[in-house]
Amino acid sequence: MERRVKERPEPEESLFRIQRGLAGFVSFLAACDVVPGFTSEYMLYEPILRILLARGYLAHCEFPCPGVPRSETGDRKRVDFEASLPDRNVRFALEVKWVKERKPAIAEDRKKLLGFQQSDPNSRSFLCMFGRRSHIEKHTPPTTYFSETGEAVYADLGRTRFGCRIYELRSSVGISRTPSAGRR
C-alpha cells in the first residue's frame, strides 16, 4: 500500500526537510566521533545544498547580497544561500548559524537578510539556527525581527541531541506576512 504524504507549500516543505536533514546528518557524524572538530556552519552547507537541489531549486552558496553596500575593505557581504523556483515564483535567502553556548551574533545576518528582501519584495528571508538542543532552546532571535517558521526538529538519539529551528525575517518593507502555520 502506497503511503500518501501531504506536502507543505514551498519553501516550507524544503525548509522542513533541511531541518530533518541537518539534525540527522550531524547525529550521524557524532556517531562517527567527528563532532569535536566541526562546529562550523560550513559543515552544514553540503546537506542544505543537496536538499535544495533535490527539491528542484536553483541554489547558490555564498551569494553576493543585494541591497547591502560593500564595505570599504573586504569582500562584498554574502548570504549563505539564495534559492529559487522560478516557475513557481519562489525565492528566498537563508542564513545559517551554528549555535553554541554563547548567544549567537545575528545582527549582520539580519542586515543581509533585510537587504536581500528589500532588493526583491516578493522574496522571503530565513535564519536557520542549528546546534545542540540545549543551545537552540536557550538562544532565540528577537521576536521584533524574526518569527519561527513551523516547529523545531530534533534528533534525540540518547547521547546526541541536535536540532534545528528556522525563523523568518519579519518584513519591514511594507509586505505583511503571516508566519507559517505549524508544519507537522
Protein backbone atom coordinates (compact mmCIF):
# COMPACT_ATOMS: atom_id res chain seq x y z
CA MET A 1 0.00 0.00 0.00
CA GLU A 2 1.41 3.36 -1.03
CA ARG A 3 1.75 5.90 1.76
CA ARG A 4 0.43 9.34 0.88
CA VAL A 5 2.31 12.23 2.39
CA LYS A 6 0.81 15.69 2.37
CA GLU A 7 3.44 18.22 1.47
CA ARG A 8 3.61 21.76 2.72
CA PRO A 9 3.81 24.66 0.27
CA GLU A 10 7.25 25.83 -0.83
CA PRO A 11 9.55 26.91 0.64
CA GLU A 12 8.17 25.49 3.91
CA GLU A 13 8.45 21.87 2.71
CA SER A 14 12.09 22.28 1.76
CA LEU A 15 12.91 24.16 4.98
CA PHE A 16 11.36 21.32 6.98
CA ARG A 17 13.45 18.80 5.03
CA ILE A 18 16.55 20.90 5.73
CA GLN A 19 15.75 20.76 9.45
CA ARG A 20 15.33 16.97 9.35
CA GLY A 21 18.40 16.52 7.19
CA LEU A 22 20.70 18.64 9.35
CA ALA A 23 19.63 17.01 12.61
CA GLY A 24 20.17 13.55 11.12
CA PHE A 25 23.41 14.44 9.33
CA VAL A 26 25.13 15.83 12.39
CA SER A 27 23.84 12.98 14.56
CA PHE A 28 25.40 10.60 12.03
CA LEU A 29 28.72 12.48 12.23
CA ALA A 30 28.55 12.36 16.03
CA ALA A 31 28.12 8.57 15.84
CA CYS A 32 31.34 8.56 13.81
CA ASP A 33 33.09 10.57 16.59
CA VAL A 34 33.54 13.54 14.27
CA VAL A 35 31.72 16.16 16.38
CA PRO A 36 34.54 17.81 18.38
CA GLY A 37 36.32 19.05 15.26
CA PHE A 38 33.39 20.55 13.42
CA THR A 39 31.16 23.21 14.80
CA SER A 40 31.19 25.46 11.80
CA GLU A 41 28.15 26.39 9.77
CA TYR A 42 30.17 25.50 6.66
CA MET A 43 29.79 21.82 7.57
CA LEU A 44 26.06 22.30 7.08
CA TYR A 45 26.33 23.68 3.55
CA GLU A 46 26.54 20.38 1.69
CA PRO A 47 23.39 18.78 3.13
CA ILE A 48 21.44 22.03 2.71
CA LEU A 49 22.55 22.37 -0.90
CA ARG A 50 21.77 18.71 -1.68
CA ILE A 51 18.25 19.06 -0.26
CA LEU A 52 17.55 22.24 -2.20
CA LEU A 53 18.81 20.76 -5.46
CA ALA A 54 16.84 17.54 -4.91
CA ARG A 55 13.72 19.68 -4.48
CA GLY A 56 14.33 21.34 -7.86
CA TYR A 57 15.69 24.66 -6.62
CA LEU A 58 18.30 26.74 -8.34
CA ALA A 59 20.56 27.30 -5.36
CA HIS A 60 23.75 29.24 -4.71
CA CYS A 61 26.03 29.22 -1.68
CA GLU A 62 27.74 32.44 -0.59
CA PHE A 63 25.52 34.53 -2.84
CA PRO A 64 26.54 38.23 -3.15
CA CYS A 65 23.98 40.03 -1.05
CA PRO A 66 21.93 42.56 -2.97
CA GLY A 67 20.89 45.64 -1.06
CA VAL A 68 23.91 45.66 1.25
CA PRO A 69 26.66 48.06 0.21
CA ARG A 70 30.19 46.74 0.04
CA SER A 71 32.39 47.89 2.91
CA GLU A 72 35.47 49.93 2.13
CA THR A 73 37.64 46.96 2.99
CA GLY A 74 36.98 43.31 2.34
CA ASP A 75 34.62 41.41 0.11
CA ARG A 76 31.01 42.17 -0.59
CA LYS A 77 28.59 40.78 2.00
CA ARG A 78 27.16 37.38 1.08
CA VAL A 79 24.12 35.41 2.18
CA ASP A 80 24.77 31.76 2.92
CA PHE A 81 22.13 30.55 0.42
CA GLU A 82 19.95 32.01 -2.28
CA ALA A 83 17.37 29.59 -3.65
CA SER A 84 14.64 29.93 -6.25
CA LEU A 85 11.96 28.02 -8.08
CA PRO A 86 11.42 30.46 -10.96
CA ASP A 87 8.48 28.56 -12.45
CA ARG A 88 6.67 28.79 -9.09
CA ASN A 89 7.72 32.35 -8.22
CA VAL A 90 9.53 31.24 -5.05
CA ARG A 91 12.79 32.90 -3.99
CA PHE A 92 14.42 33.06 -0.61
CA ALA A 93 17.65 33.72 1.25
CA LEU A 94 18.86 31.50 4.08
CA GLU A 95 21.45 32.45 6.67
CA VAL A 96 22.80 29.59 8.78
CA LYS A 97 24.04 29.82 12.38
CA TRP A 98 25.65 27.03 14.37
CA VAL A 99 24.56 27.98 17.88
CA LYS A 100 27.00 27.31 20.69
CA GLU A 101 26.90 28.15 24.38
CA ARG A 102 27.16 31.90 23.86
CA LYS A 103 24.29 33.81 22.34
CA PRO A 104 24.94 33.98 18.59
CA ALA A 105 25.59 37.33 16.95
CA ILE A 106 22.88 37.71 14.32
CA ALA A 107 22.83 41.48 13.69
CA GLU A 108 24.88 41.15 10.48
CA ASP A 109 22.78 38.20 9.32
CA ARG A 110 19.63 40.26 9.85
CA LYS A 111 21.10 43.14 7.81
CA LYS A 112 21.96 40.78 4.95
CA LEU A 113 18.52 39.15 5.00
CA LEU A 114 16.84 42.54 5.09
CA GLY A 115 18.95 43.78 2.18
CA PHE A 116 18.08 40.68 0.18
CA GLN A 117 14.38 41.07 0.88
CA GLN A 118 14.37 44.78 0.10
CA SER A 119 16.02 44.08 -3.25
CA ASP A 120 13.18 41.70 -4.14
CA PRO A 121 9.98 42.40 -2.15
CA ASN A 122 8.47 39.10 -3.35
CA SER A 123 11.30 37.12 -1.80
CA ARG A 124 11.48 35.74 1.70
CA SER A 125 14.36 35.58 4.16
CA PHE A 126 15.10 32.93 6.77
CA LEU A 127 17.54 32.31 9.61
CA CYS A 128 18.42 28.66 10.28
CA MET A 129 19.68 28.09 13.82
CA PHE A 130 21.32 24.71 14.35
CA GLY A 131 23.10 23.17 17.32
CA ARG A 132 22.70 21.19 20.48
CA ARG A 133 19.14 21.14 21.68
CA SER A 134 20.03 22.91 24.93
CA HIS A 135 21.69 25.72 22.99
CA ILE A 136 18.99 26.38 20.40
CA GLU A 137 16.24 26.22 23.00
CA LYS A 138 18.08 28.84 25.07
CA HIS A 139 19.13 31.23 22.29
CA THR A 140 16.39 32.51 20.03
CA PRO A 141 16.47 35.59 17.83
CA PRO A 142 14.48 38.66 18.91
CA THR A 143 10.80 38.36 18.03
CA THR A 144 10.91 42.00 16.96
CA TYR A 145 12.75 40.85 13.83
CA PHE A 146 12.01 37.14 13.45
CA SER A 147 9.12 34.71 13.80
CA GLU A 148 9.59 30.95 13.99
CA THR A 149 8.52 29.03 10.91
CA GLY A 150 6.99 25.71 11.85
CA GLU A 151 8.31 23.72 14.77
CA ALA A 152 11.80 22.83 15.87
CA VAL A 153 13.15 19.47 14.69
CA TYR A 154 15.38 17.46 17.00
CA ALA A 155 17.33 14.24 16.60
CA ASP A 156 17.23 12.99 20.17
CA LEU A 157 19.26 9.80 19.95
CA GLY A 158 20.38 9.37 23.53
CA ARG A 159 23.86 10.81 23.61
CA THR A 160 23.45 13.27 20.77
CA ARG A 161 20.64 15.80 20.81
CA PHE A 162 20.97 18.12 17.85
CA GLY A 163 18.24 20.27 16.46
CA CYS A 164 17.30 22.93 14.00
CA ARG A 165 14.92 25.88 14.15
CA ILE A 166 14.01 28.18 11.27
CA TYR A 167 12.91 31.77 11.66
CA GLU A 168 11.51 34.09 9.03
CA LEU A 169 12.55 37.71 8.92
CA ARG A 170 9.59 39.90 9.74
CA SER A 171 9.12 42.17 6.78
CA SER A 172 9.90 45.82 7.18
CA VAL A 173 9.41 46.78 3.54
CA GLY A 174 5.64 47.10 3.58
CA ILE A 175 4.88 43.45 2.89
CA SER A 176 2.76 41.82 5.54
CA ARG A 177 3.45 38.15 6.03
CA THR A 178 1.66 35.80 8.31
CA PRO A 179 4.10 33.40 9.95
CA SER A 180 3.66 29.92 8.56
CA ALA A 181 1.33 27.60 10.35
CA GLY A 182 2.72 24.51 12.04
CA ARG A 183 4.39 22.12 9.65
CA ARG A 184 3.72 18.76 11.20
